[in-house]
Amino acid sequence: MKIFTSTQIQELDKYTIEHEPISSLDLMERAARTLTRAITDTWANSMPVVVFAGPGNNGGDALAVARMLAEQSYQVTVYLFNISGNLSPDCAANKKRLQDCKRIHDFHEIIQEFDPPRLEEGMLIIDGLFGSGLNKPLAGGFASLVKYINASSARIVSIDIPSGLMTEDNNYNVRANIIRATQTLTLQQPKLSFLFPENQQFIGKLRVLDIRLSQEGIDKMETSFTVTEESDIRQRLLERSAFVHKGQMGHALLIAGSYSMAGAAILAAKACLRVGVGKLTVNSPKRNNAILQIAVPEAIVQPCSEETIFSETIDTEEYQAMGIGPGLGQSEQTAIALISQLRRTQCPTVVDADGLNILANHRAWLQQLPKGLILTPHPKELDRLEGHAADSYERLTKARNIAERLKGYVILKGHYTAICCPDGHVVFNPTGNAGMATAGSGDVLTGIITGLLARGYKAEDACIVGVYLHGLAGDLAAQEMGEESLIASDIINNLSKAFKRLKE
């Protein structure tokens, strides 16, 4: 699914109007019918409705919805804010249609003074003040109105986007001046800002409504942001030949687990094996040898020369992929061995956890990294690498910059994990749940992607498929045992079910 910017959303509306063809007013009417249906499916007509409409097309949508609700016997009071005396043409047309509607309970056009209505529990507020075209924070009277609405106990439904929230970058926004919706009914596709955790407080429950914008226009329009769909993953899965043997399924190398952190190596190793790699070698300090041999008997264990840390590089000629970092520790010996290993490794490589922390502590080394690396930071690790980010949009921008600079991939982990590609494209992942916020979950992801790379998946496919599988396995685990009790091993144990679901 493509995610469009506010400018592209306007272009898609125009394309639909020109190529369907349909008038802009009739397109607004179509959207309003879809919005009204979503509202009436949720709230009965016994609930009083107060509509706040702005002067633009978002306000036009709200006025059309108000008319349609009134026609279905809802008690509707409407406030149209026309402070500048300049309504959009479609908003003006819907104002006239509303005034002609005999069933509207009350209509107020606000030109100067505004005496706010009493908003109570048991009321439904429809927010149609400002839409996706907003490009600056709300101020003055509109900011006061938003605060007044937010202070009420009424239910709030925002049309397309909560008023005051911008479609992409909210770094300089005033968060007190953004509607906190109970439910957001967004049109056609989610907005980029909906994918960021700090904005969930404004969105409430999200519903994406299909208003039949031109599919041809959607297909033609290029975008830097997409959300993975299950059909995308099915197309990327490699087939396993009936005559294959383990030598053809790839040999992966994991360098993981300092002494006392053998668990990270075990989790990564088990996940790597579960995605179907032919052979796996785990390089870990000598003291982890017995633990690994017992915990992961399917893996080859290659003990380091040191008892407790990783301290010397390994020849990777016989491996098809390498994962490095889980539980590795951050001693200076390990740091030097890490950069040396990365510089000499020729096979596809995943860097995670302490591998990233070491690079963050030696930022000059970032200039020495080979092309094509896959980095898998969580937000704090990304901040350590690139400096503090004020919000998720800025952090995503920094992750994209690293991917483009290194000509590799940055997997920025989160509820919607963002896979940043070397060409600037970002793929958001929809699978996963809050139960996966648990120790070892990242080690499992490292193992999954490393295994897929060794099997022969291209780097981009390994990232996209690996992150989706990781989240899907977590979702299947949560269905069985709930989010509260989920641990990293449960993700591994459900990888086989995830594969089966995708292949059925």
Foldseek 3Di string as FASTA:
>chain_A
DDADALVLVVVLLVCLCVVVPDHSLVLLLLLLVLVLVVVCVPDPLVFAEEEEAAQESLSLSRLSNQLVSLVVVRAYEYEYECQVVHHDPSSVVSVVVSVVRPRHNYYHYDHDDDDDDDAAARHEYEYSHDAQVDDAADDDPLLVVLLVVQPYNYAYEYEQFWPRDYQFDCLPYDVSSTHQHLAYEREDDHGHVCVFPVCCRRHRHYDYTYSCRPPVSVVPDDDQEAADDLVVLLVQDDDDDPPDALLLQFEEEEEEAFVVQVVLVLLLQLLLVLLPHSAYEYEYAPCCVVVNCVSPVRHHYDHAPHRGAHAAADDCPRGQEYEYAYNHDQDPSRLVRLLVNQLPDDHAYEYEHNSLVSCLVVVVSLVRGAAAHEYEDEQVSLCSNQNDDSTDSRSVVSQLVSQLVRQYWYFHDDCFTWIHGNVRHIYTYNAADPLCPEPNLVSSLSSQLSSVSRSPRDNVSSNRNSVNLLRVQRVVLCVVPNSNPDYSVSSSVSSVVSVVVSVD
